[in-house]
Amino acid sequence: DEVPLLFKQKQFEDAKIILKEALKTSPDNLQAIEL
């Protein structure tokens, strides 16, 4: 849920760190894949 705000702030590397962790836990998480 933090990722859209990071996008708005153009902090894409920080967003990707969160997303990579989410995908490790749940590789088929549609929201994480899309983000």
PDB file of all heavy atoms in Angstrom:
ATOM      1  N   ASP A   1       0.816  -1.214   0.000  1.00  0.00           N
ATOM      2  CA  ASP A   1       0.000   0.000   0.000  1.00  0.00           C
ATOM      3  C   ASP A   1       0.852   1.267   0.000  1.00  0.00           C
ATOM      4  O   ASP A   1       0.363   2.349  -0.321  1.00  0.00           O
ATOM      5  CB  ASP A   1      -0.932   0.001   1.215  1.00  0.00           C
ATOM      6  CG  ASP A   1      -2.018  -1.066   1.104  1.00  0.00           C
ATOM      7  OD1 ASP A   1      -2.256  -1.555  -0.015  1.00  0.00           O
ATOM      8  OD2 ASP A   1      -2.615  -1.416   2.145  1.00  0.00           O
ATOM      9  N   GLU A   2       2.148   1.131   0.338  1.00  0.00           N
ATOM     10  CA  GLU A   2       3.055   2.280   0.339  1.00  0.00           C
ATOM     11  C   GLU A   2       3.543   2.623  -1.071  1.00  0.00           C
ATOM     12  O   GLU A   2       3.995   3.735  -1.336  1.00  0.00           O
ATOM     13  CB  GLU A   2       4.289   1.996   1.211  1.00  0.00           C
ATOM     14  CG  GLU A   2       3.992   1.771   2.685  1.00  0.00           C
ATOM     15  CD  GLU A   2       5.256   1.380   3.448  1.00  0.00           C
ATOM     16  OE1 GLU A   2       6.361   1.691   2.944  1.00  0.00           O
ATOM     17  OE2 GLU A   2       5.150   0.765   4.512  1.00  0.00           O
ATOM     18  N   VAL A   3       3.458   1.640  -1.975  1.00  0.00           N
ATOM     19  CA  VAL A   3       4.095   1.775  -3.286  1.00  0.00           C
ATOM     20  C   VAL A   3       3.532   2.931  -4.118  1.00  0.00           C
ATOM     21  O   VAL A   3       4.309   3.696  -4.711  1.00  0.00           O
ATOM     22  CB  VAL A   3       4.031   0.435  -4.050  1.00  0.00           C
ATOM     23  CG1 VAL A   3       4.494   0.617  -5.500  1.00  0.00           C
ATOM     24  CG2 VAL A   3       4.901  -0.610  -3.344  1.00  0.00           C
ATOM     25  N   PRO A   4       2.206   3.124  -4.219  1.00  0.00           N
ATOM     26  CA  PRO A   4       1.709   4.249  -5.022  1.00  0.00           C
ATOM     27  C   PRO A   4       2.259   5.602  -4.583  1.00  0.00           C
ATOM     28  O   PRO A   4       2.553   6.457  -5.420  1.00  0.00           O
ATOM     29  CB  PRO A   4       0.187   4.163  -4.820  1.00  0.00           C
ATOM     30  CG  PRO A   4      -0.073   2.723  -4.552  1.00  0.00           C
ATOM     31  CD  PRO A   4       1.103   2.261  -3.734  1.00  0.00           C
ATOM     32  N   LEU A   5       2.421   5.790  -3.271  1.00  0.00           N
ATOM     33  CA  LEU A   5       2.996   7.049  -2.787  1.00  0.00           C
ATOM     34  C   LEU A   5       4.453   7.174  -3.220  1.00  0.00           C
ATOM     35  O   LEU A   5       4.901   8.261  -3.614  1.00  0.00           O
ATOM     36  CB  LEU A   5       2.881   7.138  -1.271  1.00  0.00           C
ATOM     37  CG  LEU A   5       3.500   8.399  -0.623  1.00  0.00           C
ATOM     38  CD1 LEU A   5       2.831   9.658  -1.167  1.00  0.00           C
ATOM     39  CD2 LEU A   5       3.368   8.344   0.894  1.00  0.00           C
ATOM     40  N   LEU A   6       5.191   6.073  -3.168  1.00  0.00           N
ATOM     41  CA  LEU A   6       6.587   6.096  -3.622  1.00  0.00           C
ATOM     42  C   LEU A   6       6.661   6.413  -5.110  1.00  0.00           C
ATOM     43  O   LEU A   6       7.570   7.125  -5.550  1.00  0.00           O
ATOM     44  CB  LEU A   6       7.255   4.748  -3.323  1.00  0.00           C
ATOM     45  CG  LEU A   6       7.478   4.434  -1.844  1.00  0.00           C
ATOM     46  CD1 LEU A   6       7.981   2.994  -1.668  1.00  0.00           C
ATOM     47  CD2 LEU A   6       8.483   5.407  -1.226  1.00  0.00           C
ATOM     48  N   PHE A   7       5.709   5.895  -5.890  1.00  0.00           N
ATOM     49  CA  PHE A   7       5.658   6.237  -7.314  1.00  0.00           C
ATOM     50  C   PHE A   7       5.467   7.743  -7.485  1.00  0.00           C
ATOM     51  O   PHE A   7       6.138   8.379  -8.305  1.00  0.00           O
ATOM     52  CB  PHE A   7       4.491   5.510  -7.995  1.00  0.00           C
ATOM     53  CG  PHE A   7       4.756   4.069  -8.330  1.00  0.00           C
ATOM     54  CD1 PHE A   7       5.943   3.448  -7.970  1.00  0.00           C
ATOM     55  CD2 PHE A   7       3.819   3.324  -9.005  1.00  0.00           C
ATOM     56  CE1 PHE A   7       6.184   2.123  -8.285  1.00  0.00           C
ATOM     57  CE2 PHE A   7       4.047   1.998  -9.340  1.00  0.00           C
ATOM     58  CZ  PHE A   7       5.227   1.391  -8.979  1.00  0.00           C
ATOM     59  N   LYS A   8       4.530   8.296  -6.722  1.00  0.00           N
ATOM     60  CA  LYS A   8       4.243   9.728  -6.825  1.00  0.00           C
ATOM     61  C   LYS A   8       5.478  10.549  -6.493  1.00  0.00           C
ATOM     62  O   LYS A   8       5.701  11.617  -7.079  1.00  0.00           O
ATOM     63  CB  LYS A   8       3.096  10.076  -5.872  1.00  0.00           C
ATOM     64  CG  LYS A   8       2.545  11.481  -6.041  1.00  0.00           C
ATOM     65  CD  LYS A   8       1.315  11.708  -5.171  1.00  0.00           C
ATOM     66  CE  LYS A   8       0.753  13.110  -5.378  1.00  0.00           C
ATOM     67  NZ  LYS A   8      -0.456  13.336  -4.544  1.00  0.00           N
ATOM     68  N   GLN A   9       6.299  10.046  -5.557  1.00  0.00           N
ATOM     69  CA  GLN A   9       7.521  10.743  -5.155  1.00  0.00           C
ATOM     70  C   GLN A   9       8.711  10.365  -6.045  1.00  0.00           C
ATOM     71  O   GLN A   9       9.828  10.797  -5.793  1.00  0.00           O
ATOM     72  CB  GLN A   9       7.838  10.401  -3.697  1.00  0.00           C
ATOM     73  CG  GLN A   9       6.766  10.878  -2.720  1.00  0.00           C
ATOM     74  CD  GLN A   9       6.960  10.335  -1.316  1.00  0.00           C
ATOM     75  OE1 GLN A   9       7.655   9.317  -1.107  1.00  0.00           O
ATOM     76  NE2 GLN A   9       6.364  10.984  -0.328  1.00  0.00           N
ATOM     77  N   LYS A  10       8.447   9.544  -7.072  1.00  0.00           N
ATOM     78  CA  LYS A  10       9.471   9.087  -8.027  1.00  0.00           C
ATOM     79  C   LYS A  10      10.587   8.281  -7.340  1.00  0.00           C
ATOM     80  O   LYS A  10      11.730   8.265  -7.798  1.00  0.00           O
ATOM     81  CB  LYS A  10      10.061  10.263  -8.815  1.00  0.00           C
ATOM     82  CG  LYS A  10       9.021  11.050  -9.599  1.00  0.00           C
ATOM     83  CD  LYS A  10       9.651  12.072 -10.503  1.00  0.00           C
ATOM     84  CE  LYS A  10       8.614  12.928 -11.211  1.00  0.00           C
ATOM     85  NZ  LYS A  10       7.673  12.142 -12.029  1.00  0.00           N
ATOM     86  N   GLN A  11      10.250   7.606  -6.260  1.00  0.00           N
ATOM     87  CA  GLN A  11      11.213   6.767  -5.544  1.00  0.00           C
ATOM     88  C   GLN A  11      11.030   5.316  -5.996  1.00  0.00           C
ATOM     89  O   GLN A  11      10.605   4.440  -5.239  1.00  0.00           O
ATOM     90  CB  GLN A  11      11.021   6.920  -4.040  1.00  0.00           C
ATOM     91  CG  GLN A  11      11.280   8.335  -3.534  1.00  0.00           C
ATOM     92  CD  GLN A  11      11.044   8.479  -2.042  1.00  0.00           C
ATOM     93  OE1 GLN A  11      11.015   7.506  -1.306  1.00  0.00           O
ATOM     94  NE2 GLN A  11      10.859   9.711  -1.587  1.00  0.00           N
ATOM     95  N   PHE A  12      11.379   5.076  -7.247  1.00  0.00           N
ATOM     96  CA  PHE A  12      11.096   3.782  -7.850  1.00  0.00           C
ATOM     97  C   PHE A  12      11.987   2.664  -7.295  1.00  0.00           C
ATOM     98  O   PHE A  12      11.551   1.514  -7.187  1.00  0.00           O
ATOM     99  CB  PHE A  12      11.226   3.879  -9.371  1.00  0.00           C
ATOM    100  CG  PHE A  12      10.311   4.916  -9.962  1.00  0.00           C
ATOM    101  CD1 PHE A  12      10.822   6.021 -10.632  1.00  0.00           C
ATOM    102  CD2 PHE A  12       8.938   4.805  -9.825  1.00  0.00           C
ATOM    103  CE1 PHE A  12       9.982   6.979 -11.163  1.00  0.00           C
ATOM    104  CE2 PHE A  12       8.083   5.765 -10.354  1.00  0.00           C
ATOM    105  CZ  PHE A  12       8.612   6.847 -11.027  1.00  0.00           C
ATOM    106  N   GLU A  13      13.216   2.979  -6.956  1.00  0.00           N
ATOM    107  CA  GLU A  13      14.096   1.952  -6.380  1.00  0.00           C
ATOM    108  C   GLU A  13      13.569   1.477  -5.031  1.00  0.00           C
ATOM    109  O   GLU A  13      13.573   0.275  -4.744  1.00  0.00           O
ATOM    110  CB  GLU A  13      15.524   2.492  -6.248  1.00  0.00           C
ATOM    111  CG  GLU A  13      16.270   2.616  -7.558  1.00  0.00           C
ATOM    112  CD  GLU A  13      16.393   1.282  -8.293  1.00  0.00           C
ATOM    113  OE1 GLU A  13      16.594   0.240  -7.617  1.00  0.00           O
ATOM    114  OE2 GLU A  13      16.266   1.277  -9.528  1.00  0.00           O
ATOM    115  N   ASP A  14      13.102   2.407  -4.210  1.00  0.00           N
ATOM    116  CA  ASP A  14      12.526   2.026  -2.921  1.00  0.00           C
ATOM    117  C   ASP A  14      11.273   1.180  -3.125  1.00  0.00           C
ATOM    118  O   ASP A  14      11.037   0.208  -2.403  1.00  0.00           O
ATOM    119  CB  ASP A  14      12.182   3.270  -2.102  1.00  0.00           C
ATOM    120  CG  ASP A  14      13.417   4.019  -1.623  1.00  0.00           C
ATOM    121  OD1 ASP A  14      14.505   3.418  -1.603  1.00  0.00           O
ATOM    122  OD2 ASP A  14      13.293   5.211  -1.282  1.00  0.00           O
ATOM    123  N   ALA A  15      10.478   1.560  -4.112  1.00  0.00           N
ATOM    124  CA  ALA A  15       9.271   0.787  -4.405  1.00  0.00           C
ATOM    125  C   ALA A  15       9.625  -0.635  -4.828  1.00  0.00           C
ATOM    126  O   ALA A  15       8.980  -1.605  -4.404  1.00  0.00           O
ATOM    127  CB  ALA A  15       8.466   1.489  -5.498  1.00  0.00           C
ATOM    128  N   LYS A  16      10.670  -0.766  -5.647  1.00  0.00           N
ATOM    129  CA  LYS A  16      11.038  -2.097  -6.135  1.00  0.00           C
ATOM    130  C   LYS A  16      11.552  -2.994  -5.014  1.00  0.00           C
ATOM    131  O   LYS A  16      11.360  -4.212  -5.057  1.00  0.00           O
ATOM    132  CB  LYS A  16      12.081  -1.965  -7.250  1.00  0.00           C
ATOM    133  CG  LYS A  16      11.487  -1.431  -8.542  1.00  0.00           C
ATOM    134  CD  LYS A  16      12.393  -1.577  -9.747  1.00  0.00           C
ATOM    135  CE  LYS A  16      13.777  -1.078  -9.570  1.00  0.00           C
ATOM    136  NZ  LYS A  16      14.589  -1.114 -10.779  1.00  0.00           N
ATOM    137  N   ILE A  17      12.194  -2.410  -4.022  1.00  0.00           N
ATOM    138  CA  ILE A  17      12.654  -3.205  -2.870  1.00  0.00           C
ATOM    139  C   ILE A  17      11.459  -3.849  -2.168  1.00  0.00           C
ATOM    140  O   ILE A  17      11.461  -5.044  -1.845  1.00  0.00           O
ATOM    141  CB  ILE A  17      13.459  -2.330  -1.891  1.00  0.00           C
ATOM    142  CG1 ILE A  17      14.792  -1.929  -2.521  1.00  0.00           C
ATOM    143  CG2 ILE A  17      13.697  -3.072  -0.570  1.00  0.00           C
ATOM    144  CD1 ILE A  17      15.559  -0.887  -1.726  1.00  0.00           C
ATOM    145  N   ILE A  18      10.412  -3.057  -1.948  1.00  0.00           N
ATOM    146  CA  ILE A  18       9.197  -3.578  -1.319  1.00  0.00           C
ATOM    147  C   ILE A  18       8.563  -4.649  -2.195  1.00  0.00           C
ATOM    148  O   ILE A  18       8.136  -5.710  -1.709  1.00  0.00           O
ATOM    149  CB  ILE A  18       8.196  -2.430  -1.066  1.00  0.00           C
ATOM    150  CG1 ILE A  18       8.755  -1.458  -0.015  1.00  0.00           C
ATOM    151  CG2 ILE A  18       6.842  -2.972  -0.629  1.00  0.00           C
ATOM    152  CD1 ILE A  18       7.916  -0.210   0.170  1.00  0.00           C
ATOM    153  N   LEU A  19       8.501  -4.391  -3.480  1.00  0.00           N
ATOM    154  CA  LEU A  19       7.845  -5.321  -4.393  1.00  0.00           C
ATOM    155  C   LEU A  19       8.600  -6.643  -4.512  1.00  0.00           C
ATOM    156  O   LEU A  19       7.987  -7.718  -4.576  1.00  0.00           O
ATOM    157  CB  LEU A  19       7.697  -4.668  -5.772  1.00  0.00           C
ATOM    158  CG  LEU A  19       6.735  -3.478  -5.808  1.00  0.00           C
ATOM    159  CD1 LEU A  19       6.877  -2.701  -7.114  1.00  0.00           C
ATOM    160  CD2 LEU A  19       5.295  -3.944  -5.627  1.00  0.00           C
ATOM    161  N   LYS A  20       9.914  -6.570  -4.516  1.00  0.00           N
ATOM    162  CA  LYS A  20      10.711  -7.802  -4.574  1.00  0.00           C
ATOM    163  C   LYS A  20      10.472  -8.668  -3.346  1.00  0.00           C
ATOM    164  O   LYS A  20      10.363  -9.895  -3.438  1.00  0.00           O
ATOM    165  CB  LYS A  20      12.194  -7.456  -4.712  1.00  0.00           C
ATOM    166  CG  LYS A  20      12.584  -6.955  -6.097  1.00  0.00           C
ATOM    167  CD  LYS A  20      14.045  -6.530  -6.146  1.00  0.00           C
ATOM    168  CE  LYS A  20      14.404  -5.976  -7.519  1.00  0.00           C
ATOM    169  NZ  LYS A  20      15.820  -5.486  -7.562  1.00  0.00           N
ATOM    170  N   GLU A  21      10.385  -8.045  -2.189  1.00  0.00           N
ATOM    171  CA  GLU A  21      10.108  -8.793  -0.952  1.00  0.00           C
ATOM    172  C   GLU A  21       8.722  -9.422  -1.011  1.00  0.00           C
ATOM    173  O   GLU A  21       8.527 -10.575  -0.598  1.00  0.00           O
ATOM    174  CB  GLU A  21      10.219  -7.863   0.261  1.00  0.00           C
ATOM    175  CG  GLU A  21      11.637  -7.440   0.592  1.00  0.00           C
ATOM    176  CD  GLU A  21      12.534  -8.626   0.922  1.00  0.00           C
ATOM    177  OE1 GLU A  21      12.060  -9.536   1.654  1.00  0.00           O
ATOM    178  OE2 GLU A  21      13.682  -8.669   0.450  1.00  0.00           O
ATOM    179  N   ALA A  22       7.758  -8.665  -1.525  1.00  0.00           N
ATOM    180  CA  ALA A  22       6.392  -9.203  -1.632  1.00  0.00           C
ATOM    181  C   ALA A  22       6.339 -10.392  -2.579  1.00  0.00           C
ATOM    182  O   ALA A  22       5.646 -11.391  -2.313  1.00  0.00           O
ATOM    183  CB  ALA A  22       5.446  -8.104  -2.105  1.00  0.00           C
ATOM    184  N   LEU A  23       7.095 -10.312  -3.668  1.00  0.00           N
ATOM    185  CA  LEU A  23       7.072 -11.394  -4.650  1.00  0.00           C
ATOM    186  C   LEU A  23       7.837 -12.623  -4.159  1.00  0.00           C
ATOM    187  O   LEU A  23       7.548 -13.737  -4.599  1.00  0.00           O
ATOM    188  CB  LEU A  23       7.636 -10.895  -5.982  1.00  0.00           C
ATOM    189  CG  LEU A  23       6.713  -9.905  -6.721  1.00  0.00           C
ATOM    190  CD1 LEU A  23       7.437  -9.269  -7.895  1.00  0.00           C
ATOM    191  CD2 LEU A  23       5.449 -10.616  -7.199  1.00  0.00           C
ATOM    192  N   LYS A  24       8.787 -12.430  -3.266  1.00  0.00           N
ATOM    193  CA  LYS A  24       9.447 -13.586  -2.652  1.00  0.00           C
ATOM    194  C   LYS A  24       8.455 -14.376  -1.816  1.00  0.00           C
ATOM    195  O   LYS A  24       8.438 -15.604  -1.817  1.00  0.00           O
ATOM    196  CB  LYS A  24      10.608 -13.119  -1.768  1.00  0.00           C
ATOM    197  CG  LYS A  24      11.867 -12.744  -2.521  1.00  0.00           C
ATOM    198  CD  LYS A  24      12.957 -12.332  -1.532  1.00  0.00           C
ATOM    199  CE  LYS A  24      14.214 -11.860  -2.254  1.00  0.00           C
ATOM    200  NZ  LYS A  24      15.258 -11.418  -1.290  1.00  0.00           N
ATOM    201  N   THR A  25       7.626 -13.652  -1.092  1.00  0.00           N
ATOM    202  CA  THR A  25       6.623 -14.277  -0.221  1.00  0.00           C
ATOM    203  C   THR A  25       5.480 -14.874  -1.035  1.00  0.00           C
ATOM    204  O   THR A  25       4.990 -15.966  -0.737  1.00  0.00           O
ATOM    205  CB  THR A  25       6.043 -13.235   0.759  1.00  0.00           C
ATOM    206  OG1 THR A  25       7.102 -12.628   1.484  1.00  0.00           O
ATOM    207  CG2 THR A  25       5.062 -13.883   1.729  1.00  0.00           C
ATOM    208  N   SER A  26       5.072 -14.141  -2.090  1.00  0.00           N
ATOM    209  CA  SER A  26       3.921 -14.564  -2.897  1.00  0.00           C
ATOM    210  C   SER A  26       4.195 -14.284  -4.364  1.00  0.00           C
ATOM    211  O   SER A  26       3.844 -13.227  -4.883  1.00  0.00           O
ATOM    212  CB  SER A  26       2.669 -13.816  -2.422  1.00  0.00           C
ATOM    213  OG  SER A  26       1.546 -14.197  -3.164  1.00  0.00           O
ATOM    214  N   PRO A  27       4.848 -15.221  -5.076  1.00  0.00           N
ATOM    215  CA  PRO A  27       5.280 -14.983  -6.461  1.00  0.00           C
ATOM    216  C   PRO A  27       4.144 -14.677  -7.431  1.00  0.00           C
ATOM    217  O   PRO A  27       4.373 -14.046  -8.460  1.00  0.00           O
ATOM    218  CB  PRO A  27       5.962 -16.304  -6.841  1.00  0.00           C
ATOM    219  CG  PRO A  27       6.329 -16.945  -5.547  1.00  0.00           C
ATOM    220  CD  PRO A  27       5.265 -16.538  -4.575  1.00  0.00           C
ATOM    221  N   ASP A  28       2.923 -15.113  -7.109  1.00  0.00           N
ATOM    222  CA  ASP A  28       1.798 -14.888  -8.006  1.00  0.00           C
ATOM    223  C   ASP A  28       0.869 -13.782  -7.510  1.00  0.00           C
ATOM    224  O   ASP A  28      -0.294 -13.709  -7.917  1.00  0.00           O
ATOM    225  CB  ASP A  28       0.998 -16.185  -8.186  1.00  0.00           C
ATOM    226  CG  ASP A  28       1.769 -17.228  -8.984  1.00  0.00           C
ATOM    227  OD1 ASP A  28       2.730 -16.849  -9.688  1.00  0.00           O
ATOM    228  OD2 ASP A  28       1.422 -18.414  -8.902  1.00  0.00           O
ATOM    229  N   ASN A  29       1.371 -12.913  -6.658  1.00  0.00           N
ATOM    230  CA  ASN A  29       0.575 -11.789  -6.165  1.00  0.00           C
ATOM    231  C   ASN A  29       0.355 -10.808  -7.319  1.00  0.00           C
ATOM    232  O   ASN A  29       1.289 -10.129  -7.764  1.00  0.00           O
ATOM    233  CB  ASN A  29       1.305 -11.103  -5.003  1.00  0.00           C
ATOM    234  CG  ASN A  29       0.491  -9.978  -4.387  1.00  0.00           C
ATOM    235  OD1 ASN A  29      -0.056  -9.136  -5.071  1.00  0.00           O
ATOM    236  ND2 ASN A  29       0.425  -9.971  -3.065  1.00  0.00           N
ATOM    237  N   LEU A  30      -0.878 -10.743  -7.805  1.00  0.00           N
ATOM    238  CA  LEU A  30      -1.170  -9.949  -9.004  1.00  0.00           C
ATOM    239  C   LEU A  30      -0.860  -8.465  -8.805  1.00  0.00           C
ATOM    240  O   LEU A  30      -0.326  -7.805  -9.706  1.00  0.00           O
ATOM    241  CB  LEU A  30      -2.636 -10.116  -9.391  1.00  0.00           C
ATOM    242  CG  LEU A  30      -3.068 -11.534  -9.792  1.00  0.00           C
ATOM    243  CD1 LEU A  30      -4.566 -11.577 -10.000  1.00  0.00           C
ATOM    244  CD2 LEU A  30      -2.339 -11.975 -11.058  1.00  0.00           C
ATOM    245  N   GLN A  31      -1.174  -7.954  -7.632  1.00  0.00           N
ATOM    246  CA  GLN A  31      -0.921  -6.533  -7.362  1.00  0.00           C
ATOM    247  C   GLN A  31       0.570  -6.236  -7.396  1.00  0.00           C
ATOM    248  O   GLN A  31       1.006  -5.243  -7.997  1.00  0.00           O
ATOM    249  CB  GLN A  31      -1.505  -6.143  -6.008  1.00  0.00           C
ATOM    250  CG  GLN A  31      -1.331  -4.652  -5.695  1.00  0.00           C
ATOM    251  CD  GLN A  31      -1.790  -4.290  -4.294  1.00  0.00           C
ATOM    252  OE1 GLN A  31      -2.068  -5.166  -3.475  1.00  0.00           O
ATOM    253  NE2 GLN A  31      -1.857  -2.995  -4.009  1.00  0.00           N
ATOM    254  N   ALA A  32       1.361  -7.108  -6.764  1.00  0.00           N
ATOM    255  CA  ALA A  32       2.808  -6.892  -6.728  1.00  0.00           C
ATOM    256  C   ALA A  32       3.417  -7.017  -8.115  1.00  0.00           C
ATOM    257  O   ALA A  32       4.308  -6.249  -8.493  1.00  0.00           O
ATOM    258  CB  ALA A  32       3.459  -7.882  -5.766  1.00  0.00           C
ATOM    259  N   ILE A  33       2.935  -7.971  -8.901  1.00  0.00           N
ATOM    260  CA  ILE A  33       3.452  -8.149 -10.260  1.00  0.00           C
ATOM    261  C   ILE A  33       3.157  -6.914 -11.104  1.00  0.00           C
ATOM    262  O   ILE A  33       4.021  -6.399 -11.817  1.00  0.00           O
ATOM    263  CB  ILE A  33       2.833  -9.405 -10.913  1.00  0.00           C
ATOM    264  CG1 ILE A  33       3.248 -10.674 -10.157  1.00  0.00           C
ATOM    265  CG2 ILE A  33       3.258  -9.515 -12.379  1.00  0.00           C
ATOM    266  CD1 ILE A  33       2.459 -11.907 -10.568  1.00  0.00           C
ATOM    267  N   GLU A  34       1.906  -6.445 -11.010  1.00  0.00           N
ATOM    268  CA  GLU A  34       1.518  -5.270 -11.798  1.00  0.00           C
ATOM    269  C   GLU A  34       2.316  -4.043 -11.383  1.00  0.00           C
ATOM    270  O   GLU A  34       2.802  -3.283 -12.237  1.00  0.00           O
ATOM    271  CB  GLU A  34       0.027  -5.004 -11.642  1.00  0.00           C
ATOM    272  CG  GLU A  34      -0.470  -3.848 -12.498  1.00  0.00           C
ATOM    273  CD  GLU A  34      -1.965  -3.651 -12.429  1.00  0.00           C
ATOM    274  OE1 GLU A  34      -2.618  -4.318 -11.589  1.00  0.00           O
ATOM    275  OE2 GLU A  34      -2.490  -2.832 -13.214  1.00  0.00           O
ATOM    276  N   LEU A  35       2.468  -3.831 -10.095  1.00  0.00           N
ATOM    277  CA  LEU A  35       3.213  -2.667  -9.620  1.00  0.00           C
ATOM    278  C   LEU A  35       4.686  -2.744 -10.010  1.00  0.00           C
ATOM    279  O   LEU A  35       5.303  -1.731 -10.310  1.00  0.00           O
ATOM    280  CB  LEU A  35       3.073  -2.547  -8.103  1.00  0.00           C
ATOM    281  CG  LEU A  35       1.694  -2.080  -7.599  1.00  0.00           C
ATOM    282  CD1 LEU A  35       1.597  -2.220  -6.086  1.00  0.00           C
ATOM    283  CD2 LEU A  35       1.434  -0.636  -8.012  1.00  0.00           C
TER     284      LEU A  35
END
